[in-house]
Amino acid sequence: QLVGRGCRVLVPSRRRASARHLIMLPTCEVVEASVHDDATLQRLAAGQDAVINLVGILHGTEAAFERVHVALTRRILAACAGAKVHRYLHMSALGADPNGPSMYQRSKGRAEQAVRESTLAWTIFQPSVIFGAEDSFLNMFARLAAIAPVLPIGGAAVKFQPVWVEDVARAFVNSLDSEATVGKAYELAGPKVYTLRELVQFASGAAGHRRPVVALPDGIARLQARLMEFAPGEPLLSRDNLDSMKRDNVASRQPYAPAPELGITATPMEPEASLYLAGLHPRSRF
């Protein structure tokens, strides 16, 4: 969306090849860089009009969350100040709270504190779970439904308000040059609230593998999550994820309506998600 509006975009990545889908965009430059190095950050920020921080992790230790969400945010803010970059957009999360129940939520909350204390022209975005053609949420349940006869889940009653990735991106891009959004934090959500059970049932059904969903008691759900943490690769679920689900992940005001200055509408989940979960989305064949 930034490129479509004529912006020149610099994207640092640990591995340039992992961002190869961006390399072909005409005014987008992808560079391999370690963003945890202060000198590198200073060099990347030099000459830019704005910095957008999208860095985040869902799984890890307390130290890992602190390094990626809090320490890196402070480094980026310092690099912006040193390079005289005035505008800063920050991707946070709905439920971010320094006193939240999970390491993820607490680290996101501390990062927000650092942003609010800065002298930059900042805007914070707090999305609920994001859905889109390549998401790792609905697609995960669809893949599990393809191989499992039953879907046992913890936190089946917790509520989410999924927001479309295109709406999130548009909110960022629209706010970039908007003075009305400076110094504000925006919740981003869809028009409808779902329980996790309902989302799992929707994802499996839309993918053509409707399965019964079994709500696990807390103790068994934590045991399941602990076992998943030992599996190779990124865990599908961690105990910290379950801690995050001790609170509903929905907008504070219902019914939800995006702030008018963001210039977006709350897109319903079903029409868009049904296409890509069924493999009918225009991108699916790629």
C-alpha atoms as a PDB file:
ATOM      1  CA  GLN A   1       0.000   0.000   0.000  1.00  0.00           C
ATOM      2  CA  LEU A   2       2.878   2.404   0.731  1.00  0.00           C
ATOM      3  CA  VAL A   3       4.443   1.689  -2.656  1.00  0.00           C
ATOM      4  CA  GLY A   4       1.051   2.168  -4.305  1.00  0.00           C
ATOM      5  CA  ARG A   5       0.963   5.690  -2.863  1.00  0.00           C
ATOM      6  CA  GLY A   6       4.370   6.542  -4.280  1.00  0.00           C
ATOM      7  CA  CYS A   7       6.408   6.110  -1.103  1.00  0.00           C
ATOM      8  CA  ARG A   8       9.982   4.876  -1.121  1.00  0.00           C
ATOM      9  CA  VAL A   9      10.188   2.058   1.430  1.00  0.00           C
ATOM     10  CA  LEU A  10      13.281   0.587   3.095  1.00  0.00           C
ATOM     11  CA  VAL A  11      12.692  -2.851   4.652  1.00  0.00           C
ATOM     12  CA  PRO A  12      15.410  -4.369   6.854  1.00  0.00           C
ATOM     13  CA  SER A  13      15.298  -8.139   7.294  1.00  0.00           C
ATOM     14  CA  ARG A  14      17.543 -10.691   8.982  1.00  0.00           C
ATOM     15  CA  ARG A  15      17.439 -12.672   5.738  1.00  0.00           C
ATOM     16  CA  ARG A  16      16.798 -10.792   2.516  1.00  0.00           C
ATOM     17  CA  ALA A  17      15.513 -13.963   0.838  1.00  0.00           C
ATOM     18  CA  SER A  18      12.683 -14.217   3.375  1.00  0.00           C
ATOM     19  CA  ALA A  19      11.325 -10.884   2.049  1.00  0.00           C
ATOM     20  CA  ARG A  20      11.800 -11.726  -1.630  1.00  0.00           C
ATOM     21  CA  HIS A  21       8.098 -11.124  -2.301  1.00  0.00           C
ATOM     22  CA  LEU A  22       8.786  -7.428  -1.617  1.00  0.00           C
ATOM     23  CA  ILE A  23      11.909  -7.108  -3.740  1.00  0.00           C
ATOM     24  CA  MET A  24       9.958  -6.765  -7.003  1.00  0.00           C
ATOM     25  CA  LEU A  25       7.993  -3.743  -5.775  1.00  0.00           C
ATOM     26  CA  PRO A  26       9.325  -0.741  -7.728  1.00  0.00           C
ATOM     27  CA  THR A  27      10.087   1.672  -4.861  1.00  0.00           C
ATOM     28  CA  CYS A  28      10.805  -0.900  -2.139  1.00  0.00           C
ATOM     29  CA  GLU A  29      14.356  -1.726  -1.114  1.00  0.00           C
ATOM     30  CA  VAL A  30      14.987  -4.811   1.040  1.00  0.00           C
ATOM     31  CA  VAL A  31      18.289  -4.884   2.932  1.00  0.00           C
ATOM     32  CA  GLU A  32      19.821  -7.548   5.152  1.00  0.00           C
ATOM     33  CA  ALA A  33      20.496  -6.058   8.559  1.00  0.00           C
ATOM     34  CA  SER A  34      20.578  -6.739  12.291  1.00  0.00           C
ATOM     35  CA  VAL A  35      18.056  -4.338  13.797  1.00  0.00           C
ATOM     36  CA  HIS A  36      19.334  -5.093  17.303  1.00  0.00           C
ATOM     37  CA  ASP A  37      22.532  -3.161  16.523  1.00  0.00           C
ATOM     38  CA  ASP A  38      22.343   0.551  17.397  1.00  0.00           C
ATOM     39  CA  ALA A  39      24.758   1.693  14.689  1.00  0.00           C
ATOM     40  CA  THR A  40      22.807  -0.247  12.060  1.00  0.00           C
ATOM     41  CA  LEU A  41      19.509   1.251  13.230  1.00  0.00           C
ATOM     42  CA  GLN A  42      20.999   4.740  13.077  1.00  0.00           C
ATOM     43  CA  ARG A  43      22.149   4.107   9.507  1.00  0.00           C
ATOM     44  CA  LEU A  44      18.751   2.734   8.478  1.00  0.00           C
ATOM     45  CA  ALA A  45      16.857   5.668   9.994  1.00  0.00           C
ATOM     46  CA  ALA A  46      19.079   8.334   8.394  1.00  0.00           C
ATOM     47  CA  GLY A  47      17.257  10.311   5.720  1.00  0.00           C
ATOM     48  CA  GLN A  48      13.841   8.727   6.352  1.00  0.00           C
ATOM     49  CA  ASP A  49      10.616  10.663   6.907  1.00  0.00           C
ATOM     50  CA  ALA A  50       8.991   8.014   9.099  1.00  0.00           C
ATOM     51  CA  VAL A  51       9.656   4.681  10.784  1.00  0.00           C
ATOM     52  CA  ILE A  52       7.090   1.895  11.131  1.00  0.00           C
ATOM     53  CA  ASN A  53       7.876  -0.769  13.737  1.00  0.00           C
ATOM     54  CA  LEU A  54       6.146  -4.090  13.006  1.00  0.00           C
ATOM     55  CA  VAL A  55       8.615  -6.352  14.836  1.00  0.00           C
ATOM     56  CA  GLY A  56       7.004  -8.874  17.172  1.00  0.00           C
ATOM     57  CA  ILE A  57       7.075 -12.469  18.399  1.00  0.00           C
ATOM     58  CA  LEU A  58       4.312 -14.680  19.798  1.00  0.00           C
ATOM     59  CA  HIS A  59       6.447 -17.272  21.582  1.00  0.00           C
ATOM     60  CA  GLY A  60       9.571 -17.114  23.732  1.00  0.00           C
ATOM     61  CA  THR A  61      11.053 -16.590  27.148  1.00  0.00           C
ATOM     62  CA  GLU A  62      10.650 -13.482  29.300  1.00  0.00           C
ATOM     63  CA  ALA A  63      14.106 -12.376  28.113  1.00  0.00           C
ATOM     64  CA  ALA A  64      13.184 -12.881  24.450  1.00  0.00           C
ATOM     65  CA  PHE A  65       9.979 -10.823  24.766  1.00  0.00           C
ATOM     66  CA  GLU A  66      11.917  -8.103  26.584  1.00  0.00           C
ATOM     67  CA  ARG A  67      14.608  -8.005  23.893  1.00  0.00           C
ATOM     68  CA  VAL A  68      12.268  -7.992  20.880  1.00  0.00           C
ATOM     69  CA  HIS A  69       9.338  -5.919  22.120  1.00  0.00           C
ATOM     70  CA  VAL A  70      10.797  -3.555  24.719  1.00  0.00           C
ATOM     71  CA  ALA A  71      14.544  -3.130  24.224  1.00  0.00           C
ATOM     72  CA  LEU A  72      14.272  -3.009  20.429  1.00  0.00           C
ATOM     73  CA  THR A  73      11.472  -0.439  20.605  1.00  0.00           C
ATOM     74  CA  ARG A  74      13.661   1.765  22.793  1.00  0.00           C
ATOM     75  CA  ARG A  75      16.547   1.328  20.349  1.00  0.00           C
ATOM     76  CA  ILE A  76      14.348   2.297  17.395  1.00  0.00           C
ATOM     77  CA  LEU A  77      13.013   5.352  19.225  1.00  0.00           C
ATOM     78  CA  ALA A  78      16.575   6.429  20.043  1.00  0.00           C
ATOM     79  CA  ALA A  79      17.651   5.894  16.415  1.00  0.00           C
ATOM     80  CA  CYS A  80      14.712   8.021  15.224  1.00  0.00           C
ATOM     81  CA  ALA A  81      15.649  10.812  17.626  1.00  0.00           C
ATOM     82  CA  GLY A  82      19.312  10.620  16.595  1.00  0.00           C
ATOM     83  CA  ALA A  83      18.456  10.713  12.878  1.00  0.00           C
ATOM     84  CA  LYS A  84      15.832  13.449  13.397  1.00  0.00           C
ATOM     85  CA  VAL A  85      12.998  11.223  12.161  1.00  0.00           C
ATOM     86  CA  HIS A  86       9.863  12.822  13.569  1.00  0.00           C
ATOM     87  CA  ARG A  87       7.086  10.340  12.652  1.00  0.00           C
ATOM     88  CA  TYR A  88       6.824   6.912  14.263  1.00  0.00           C
ATOM     89  CA  LEU A  89       4.092   4.257  13.873  1.00  0.00           C
ATOM     90  CA  HIS A  90       4.029   1.350  16.322  1.00  0.00           C
ATOM     91  CA  MET A  91       2.365  -2.053  15.977  1.00  0.00           C
ATOM     92  CA  SER A  92       1.199  -3.124  19.415  1.00  0.00           C
ATOM     93  CA  ALA A  93      -1.640  -5.528  20.250  1.00  0.00           C
ATOM     94  CA  LEU A  94      -5.109  -5.484  21.746  1.00  0.00           C
ATOM     95  CA  GLY A  95      -4.651  -6.413  25.394  1.00  0.00           C
ATOM     96  CA  ALA A  96      -1.160  -4.913  25.722  1.00  0.00           C
ATOM     97  CA  ASP A  97      -0.736  -4.179  29.432  1.00  0.00           C
ATOM     98  CA  PRO A  98       2.390  -3.913  31.646  1.00  0.00           C
ATOM     99  CA  ASN A  99       0.378  -5.810  34.287  1.00  0.00           C
ATOM    100  CA  GLY A 100      -1.245  -8.307  31.893  1.00  0.00           C
ATOM    101  CA  PRO A 101      -1.475 -12.059  32.574  1.00  0.00           C
ATOM    102  CA  SER A 102       1.062 -13.126  29.900  1.00  0.00           C
ATOM    103  CA  MET A 103       4.686 -12.303  29.114  1.00  0.00           C
ATOM    104  CA  TYR A 104       3.553 -11.290  25.620  1.00  0.00           C
ATOM    105  CA  GLN A 105       0.975  -8.779  26.871  1.00  0.00           C
ATOM    106  CA  ARG A 106       3.277  -7.350  29.545  1.00  0.00           C
ATOM    107  CA  SER A 107       6.142  -6.806  27.094  1.00  0.00           C
ATOM    108  CA  LYS A 108       3.801  -5.198  24.561  1.00  0.00           C
ATOM    109  CA  GLY A 109       2.519  -2.927  27.341  1.00  0.00           C
ATOM    110  CA  ARG A 110       6.042  -1.880  28.377  1.00  0.00           C
ATOM    111  CA  ALA A 111       6.878  -1.141  24.731  1.00  0.00           C
ATOM    112  CA  GLU A 112       3.821   1.115  24.536  1.00  0.00           C
ATOM    113  CA  GLN A 113       4.993   2.934  27.650  1.00  0.00           C
ATOM    114  CA  ALA A 114       8.337   3.656  25.978  1.00  0.00           C
ATOM    115  CA  VAL A 115       6.578   5.005  22.878  1.00  0.00           C
ATOM    116  CA  ARG A 116       4.249   7.241  24.914  1.00  0.00           C
ATOM    117  CA  GLU A 117       7.212   8.688  26.822  1.00  0.00           C
ATOM    118  CA  SER A 118       9.103   9.571  23.631  1.00  0.00           C
ATOM    119  CA  THR A 119       9.188  13.021  22.044  1.00  0.00           C
ATOM    120  CA  LEU A 120       8.334  11.674  18.575  1.00  0.00           C
ATOM    121  CA  ALA A 121       5.054  12.173  16.717  1.00  0.00           C
ATOM    122  CA  TRP A 122       3.864   8.666  17.490  1.00  0.00           C
ATOM    123  CA  THR A 123       0.747   6.620  16.755  1.00  0.00           C
ATOM    124  CA  ILE A 124       0.068   3.211  18.311  1.00  0.00           C
ATOM    125  CA  PHE A 125      -2.138   0.493  16.779  1.00  0.00           C
ATOM    126  CA  GLN A 126      -3.649  -2.316  18.863  1.00  0.00           C
ATOM    127  CA  PRO A 127      -5.183  -4.979  16.594  1.00  0.00           C
ATOM    128  CA  SER A 128      -7.072  -8.043  17.714  1.00  0.00           C
ATOM    129  CA  VAL A 129      -6.040 -11.259  15.951  1.00  0.00           C
ATOM    130  CA  ILE A 130      -5.361 -10.457  12.274  1.00  0.00           C
ATOM    131  CA  PHE A 131      -6.793 -12.584   9.470  1.00  0.00           C
ATOM    132  CA  GLY A 132      -5.742 -12.638   5.814  1.00  0.00           C
ATOM    133  CA  ALA A 133      -4.804 -14.966   2.975  1.00  0.00           C
ATOM    134  CA  GLU A 134      -1.525 -16.084   4.566  1.00  0.00           C
ATOM    135  CA  ASP A 135      -2.402 -15.719   8.252  1.00  0.00           C
ATOM    136  CA  SER A 136      -1.060 -18.134  10.851  1.00  0.00           C
ATOM    137  CA  PHE A 137      -4.301 -18.242  12.842  1.00  0.00           C
ATOM    138  CA  LEU A 138      -7.292 -19.430  10.809  1.00  0.00           C
ATOM    139  CA  ASN A 139      -4.999 -21.303   8.416  1.00  0.00           C
ATOM    140  CA  MET A 140      -3.481 -23.193  11.349  1.00  0.00           C
ATOM    141  CA  PHE A 141      -6.885 -24.514  12.430  1.00  0.00           C
ATOM    142  CA  ALA A 142      -7.732 -25.397   8.829  1.00  0.00           C
ATOM    143  CA  ARG A 143      -4.501 -27.409   8.495  1.00  0.00           C
ATOM    144  CA  LEU A 144      -5.107 -29.184  11.794  1.00  0.00           C
ATOM    145  CA  ALA A 145      -8.645 -30.067  10.722  1.00  0.00           C
ATOM    146  CA  ALA A 146      -7.277 -31.713   7.590  1.00  0.00           C
ATOM    147  CA  ILE A 147      -5.312 -34.263   9.641  1.00  0.00           C
ATOM    148  CA  ALA A 148      -7.143 -34.557  12.983  1.00  0.00           C
ATOM    149  CA  PRO A 149     -10.576 -36.176  13.458  1.00  0.00           C
ATOM    150  CA  VAL A 150     -11.211 -34.045  16.571  1.00  0.00           C
ATOM    151  CA  LEU A 151      -9.896 -30.584  17.507  1.00  0.00           C
ATOM    152  CA  PRO A 152      -9.139 -30.313  21.247  1.00  0.00           C
ATOM    153  CA  ILE A 153      -8.536 -26.695  22.285  1.00  0.00           C
ATOM    154  CA  GLY A 154      -7.935 -24.730  25.459  1.00  0.00           C
ATOM    155  CA  GLY A 155      -9.627 -21.413  26.052  1.00  0.00           C
ATOM    156  CA  ALA A 156     -12.584 -22.365  23.876  1.00  0.00           C
ATOM    157  CA  ALA A 157     -14.796 -19.678  25.426  1.00  0.00           C
ATOM    158  CA  VAL A 158     -12.344 -16.775  25.109  1.00  0.00           C
ATOM    159  CA  LYS A 159     -13.541 -14.041  22.738  1.00  0.00           C
ATOM    160  CA  PHE A 160     -11.729 -12.513  19.757  1.00  0.00           C
ATOM    161  CA  GLN A 161     -12.658  -9.805  17.259  1.00  0.00           C
ATOM    162  CA  PRO A 162     -10.634 -10.643  14.102  1.00  0.00           C
ATOM    163  CA  VAL A 163      -9.508  -7.734  11.939  1.00  0.00           C
ATOM    164  CA  TRP A 164      -8.636  -7.947   8.230  1.00  0.00           C
ATOM    165  CA  VAL A 165      -4.978  -7.432   7.388  1.00  0.00           C
ATOM    166  CA  GLU A 166      -5.904  -4.983   4.609  1.00  0.00           C
ATOM    167  CA  ASP A 167      -7.753  -2.783   7.123  1.00  0.00           C
ATOM    168  CA  VAL A 168      -4.745  -2.833   9.450  1.00  0.00           C
ATOM    169  CA  ALA A 169      -2.362  -1.874   6.639  1.00  0.00           C
ATOM    170  CA  ARG A 170      -4.698   0.865   5.442  1.00  0.00           C
ATOM    171  CA  ALA A 171      -4.965   2.299   8.968  1.00  0.00           C
ATOM    172  CA  PHE A 172      -1.164   2.582   9.134  1.00  0.00           C
ATOM    173  CA  VAL A 173      -0.828   4.140   5.683  1.00  0.00           C
ATOM    174  CA  ASN A 174      -3.720   6.570   6.140  1.00  0.00           C
ATOM    175  CA  SER A 175      -2.353   7.792   9.467  1.00  0.00           C
ATOM    176  CA  LEU A 176       1.176   8.394   8.196  1.00  0.00           C
ATOM    177  CA  ASP A 177       0.552  12.007   7.143  1.00  0.00           C
ATOM    178  CA  SER A 178      -2.436  12.635   9.406  1.00  0.00           C
ATOM    179  CA  GLU A 179      -1.856  15.113  12.227  1.00  0.00           C
ATOM    180  CA  ALA A 180      -5.144  13.965  13.764  1.00  0.00           C
ATOM    181  CA  THR A 181      -3.637  10.566  14.633  1.00  0.00           C
ATOM    182  CA  VAL A 182      -0.497  11.861  16.368  1.00  0.00           C
ATOM    183  CA  GLY A 183      -0.239  10.954  20.050  1.00  0.00           C
ATOM    184  CA  LYS A 184      -3.129   8.474  19.897  1.00  0.00           C
ATOM    185  CA  ALA A 185      -3.549   4.714  20.322  1.00  0.00           C
ATOM    186  CA  TYR A 186      -6.140   2.951  18.172  1.00  0.00           C
ATOM    187  CA  GLU A 187      -7.851  -0.375  18.744  1.00  0.00           C
ATOM    188  CA  LEU A 188      -8.291  -2.268  15.464  1.00  0.00           C
ATOM    189  CA  ALA A 189     -10.974  -4.941  15.254  1.00  0.00           C
ATOM    190  CA  GLY A 190     -13.598  -6.449  13.013  1.00  0.00           C
ATOM    191  CA  PRO A 191     -17.358  -5.901  13.254  1.00  0.00           C
ATOM    192  CA  LYS A 192     -18.115  -9.190  15.023  1.00  0.00           C
ATOM    193  CA  VAL A 193     -17.029 -10.953  18.222  1.00  0.00           C
ATOM    194  CA  TYR A 194     -16.417 -14.737  18.167  1.00  0.00           C
ATOM    195  CA  THR A 195     -15.428 -17.332  20.739  1.00  0.00           C
ATOM    196  CA  LEU A 196     -12.326 -19.346  19.924  1.00  0.00           C
ATOM    197  CA  ARG A 197     -14.578 -22.390  19.502  1.00  0.00           C
ATOM    198  CA  GLU A 198     -16.598 -20.527  16.841  1.00  0.00           C
ATOM    199  CA  LEU A 199     -13.432 -19.471  15.004  1.00  0.00           C
ATOM    200  CA  VAL A 200     -12.082 -23.037  14.962  1.00  0.00           C
ATOM    201  CA  GLN A 201     -15.418 -24.372  13.720  1.00  0.00           C
ATOM    202  CA  PHE A 202     -15.549 -21.705  11.009  1.00  0.00           C
ATOM    203  CA  ALA A 203     -11.967 -22.331   9.821  1.00  0.00           C
ATOM    204  CA  SER A 204     -12.366 -26.108   9.655  1.00  0.00           C
ATOM    205  CA  GLY A 205     -15.756 -25.886   7.936  1.00  0.00           C
ATOM    206  CA  ALA A 206     -14.603 -23.293   5.373  1.00  0.00           C
ATOM    207  CA  ALA A 207     -11.628 -25.508   4.534  1.00  0.00           C
ATOM    208  CA  GLY A 208     -13.953 -28.447   3.908  1.00  0.00           C
ATOM    209  CA  HIS A 209     -12.954 -30.436   6.998  1.00  0.00           C
ATOM    210  CA  ARG A 210     -15.671 -29.804   9.548  1.00  0.00           C
ATOM    211  CA  ARG A 211     -14.579 -31.387  12.836  1.00  0.00           C
ATOM    212  CA  PRO A 212     -15.994 -31.564  16.365  1.00  0.00           C
ATOM    213  CA  VAL A 213     -14.275 -29.150  18.765  1.00  0.00           C
ATOM    214  CA  VAL A 214     -13.510 -30.383  22.279  1.00  0.00           C
ATOM    215  CA  ALA A 215     -13.010 -27.736  24.980  1.00  0.00           C
ATOM    216  CA  LEU A 216     -10.140 -28.814  27.242  1.00  0.00           C
ATOM    217  CA  PRO A 217     -10.064 -28.050  30.991  1.00  0.00           C
ATOM    218  CA  ASP A 218      -7.333 -25.582  31.975  1.00  0.00           C
ATOM    219  CA  GLY A 219      -5.004 -28.204  33.436  1.00  0.00           C
ATOM    220  CA  ILE A 220      -5.112 -30.448  30.373  1.00  0.00           C
ATOM    221  CA  ALA A 221      -4.838 -27.422  28.042  1.00  0.00           C
ATOM    222  CA  ARG A 222      -1.630 -26.336  29.821  1.00  0.00           C
ATOM    223  CA  LEU A 223      -0.243 -29.861  29.541  1.00  0.00           C
ATOM    224  CA  GLN A 224      -1.074 -29.854  25.809  1.00  0.00           C
ATOM    225  CA  ALA A 225       0.637 -26.465  25.403  1.00  0.00           C
ATOM    226  CA  ARG A 226       3.704 -27.638  27.315  1.00  0.00           C
ATOM    227  CA  LEU A 227       4.052 -30.651  25.004  1.00  0.00           C
ATOM    228  CA  MET A 228       3.662 -28.406  21.944  1.00  0.00           C
ATOM    229  CA  GLU A 229       6.486 -26.186  23.226  1.00  0.00           C
ATOM    230  CA  PHE A 230       8.846 -29.171  22.891  1.00  0.00           C
ATOM    231  CA  ALA A 231       7.840 -29.898  19.288  1.00  0.00           C
ATOM    232  CA  PRO A 232      10.314 -28.903  16.544  1.00  0.00           C
ATOM    233  CA  GLY A 233       9.915 -25.423  15.027  1.00  0.00           C
ATOM    234  CA  GLU A 234       7.522 -22.702  16.150  1.00  0.00           C
ATOM    235  CA  PRO A 235       5.000 -24.118  18.634  1.00  0.00           C
ATOM    236  CA  LEU A 236       1.362 -24.057  17.575  1.00  0.00           C
ATOM    237  CA  LEU A 237       0.461 -23.111  21.134  1.00  0.00           C
ATOM    238  CA  SER A 238       2.400 -22.169  24.265  1.00  0.00           C
ATOM    239  CA  ARG A 239       1.495 -21.764  27.918  1.00  0.00           C
ATOM    240  CA  ASP A 240       2.032 -18.030  27.504  1.00  0.00           C
ATOM    241  CA  ASN A 241      -0.603 -18.034  24.735  1.00  0.00           C
ATOM    242  CA  LEU A 242      -3.019 -19.601  27.210  1.00  0.00           C
ATOM    243  CA  ASP A 243      -2.132 -16.905  29.743  1.00  0.00           C
ATOM    244  CA  SER A 244      -2.996 -14.267  27.122  1.00  0.00           C
ATOM    245  CA  MET A 245      -6.377 -15.936  26.701  1.00  0.00           C
ATOM    246  CA  LYS A 246      -7.278 -15.293  30.331  1.00  0.00           C
ATOM    247  CA  ARG A 247      -8.720 -12.054  28.979  1.00  0.00           C
ATOM    248  CA  ASP A 248     -11.055 -11.573  26.015  1.00  0.00           C
ATOM    249  CA  ASN A 249      -9.328 -10.012  22.999  1.00  0.00           C
ATOM    250  CA  VAL A 250     -12.058  -7.592  21.918  1.00  0.00           C
ATOM    251  CA  ALA A 251     -12.416  -3.833  21.477  1.00  0.00           C
ATOM    252  CA  SER A 252     -13.300  -1.866  24.598  1.00  0.00           C
ATOM    253  CA  ARG A 253     -16.363  -0.306  22.951  1.00  0.00           C
ATOM    254  CA  GLN A 254     -19.106  -2.411  21.390  1.00  0.00           C
ATOM    255  CA  PRO A 255     -20.368  -2.295  18.740  1.00  0.00           C
ATOM    256  CA  TYR A 256     -16.935  -1.458  17.364  1.00  0.00           C
ATOM    257  CA  ALA A 257     -16.444   1.285  14.799  1.00  0.00           C
ATOM    258  CA  PRO A 258     -12.991   2.429  13.606  1.00  0.00           C
ATOM    259  CA  ALA A 259     -11.994   6.025  14.354  1.00  0.00           C
ATOM    260  CA  PRO A 260     -13.082   8.154  11.366  1.00  0.00           C
ATOM    261  CA  GLU A 261      -9.634   9.712  10.904  1.00  0.00           C
ATOM    262  CA  LEU A 262      -8.237   6.264  10.036  1.00  0.00           C
ATOM    263  CA  GLY A 263     -10.357   6.166   6.887  1.00  0.00           C
ATOM    264  CA  ILE A 264     -11.187   2.455   7.147  1.00  0.00           C
ATOM    265  CA  THR A 265     -14.247   0.263   7.632  1.00  0.00           C
ATOM    266  CA  ALA A 266     -14.438  -2.879   9.761  1.00  0.00           C
ATOM    267  CA  THR A 267     -14.479  -5.668   7.157  1.00  0.00           C
ATOM    268  CA  PRO A 268     -16.445  -8.852   8.063  1.00  0.00           C
ATOM    269  CA  MET A 269     -14.354 -11.998   8.347  1.00  0.00           C
ATOM    270  CA  GLU A 270     -16.509 -14.597   6.603  1.00  0.00           C
ATOM    271  CA  PRO A 271     -16.514 -13.468   2.937  1.00  0.00           C
ATOM    272  CA  GLU A 272     -12.748 -12.959   2.667  1.00  0.00           C
ATOM    273  CA  ALA A 273     -11.612 -15.814   4.917  1.00  0.00           C
ATOM    274  CA  SER A 274     -13.988 -18.339   3.335  1.00  0.00           C
ATOM    275  CA  LEU A 275     -12.251 -17.812  -0.024  1.00  0.00           C
ATOM    276  CA  TYR A 276      -8.679 -18.419   1.072  1.00  0.00           C
ATOM    277  CA  LEU A 277      -9.488 -21.218   3.516  1.00  0.00           C
ATOM    278  CA  ALA A 278     -11.226 -23.052   0.660  1.00  0.00           C
ATOM    279  CA  GLY A 279      -8.266 -22.387  -1.662  1.00  0.00           C
ATOM    280  CA  LEU A 280     -10.345 -20.095  -3.880  1.00  0.00           C
ATOM    281  CA  HIS A 281      -8.521 -16.828  -3.162  1.00  0.00           C
ATOM    282  CA  PRO A 282      -6.746 -15.314  -6.194  1.00  0.00           C
ATOM    283  CA  ARG A 283      -3.397 -15.786  -4.382  1.00  0.00           C
ATOM    284  CA  SER A 284      -4.045 -19.396  -3.446  1.00  0.00           C
ATOM    285  CA  ARG A 285      -2.665 -20.885  -6.659  1.00  0.00           C
ATOM    286  CA  PHE A 286       0.709 -19.264  -5.943  1.00  0.00           C
END
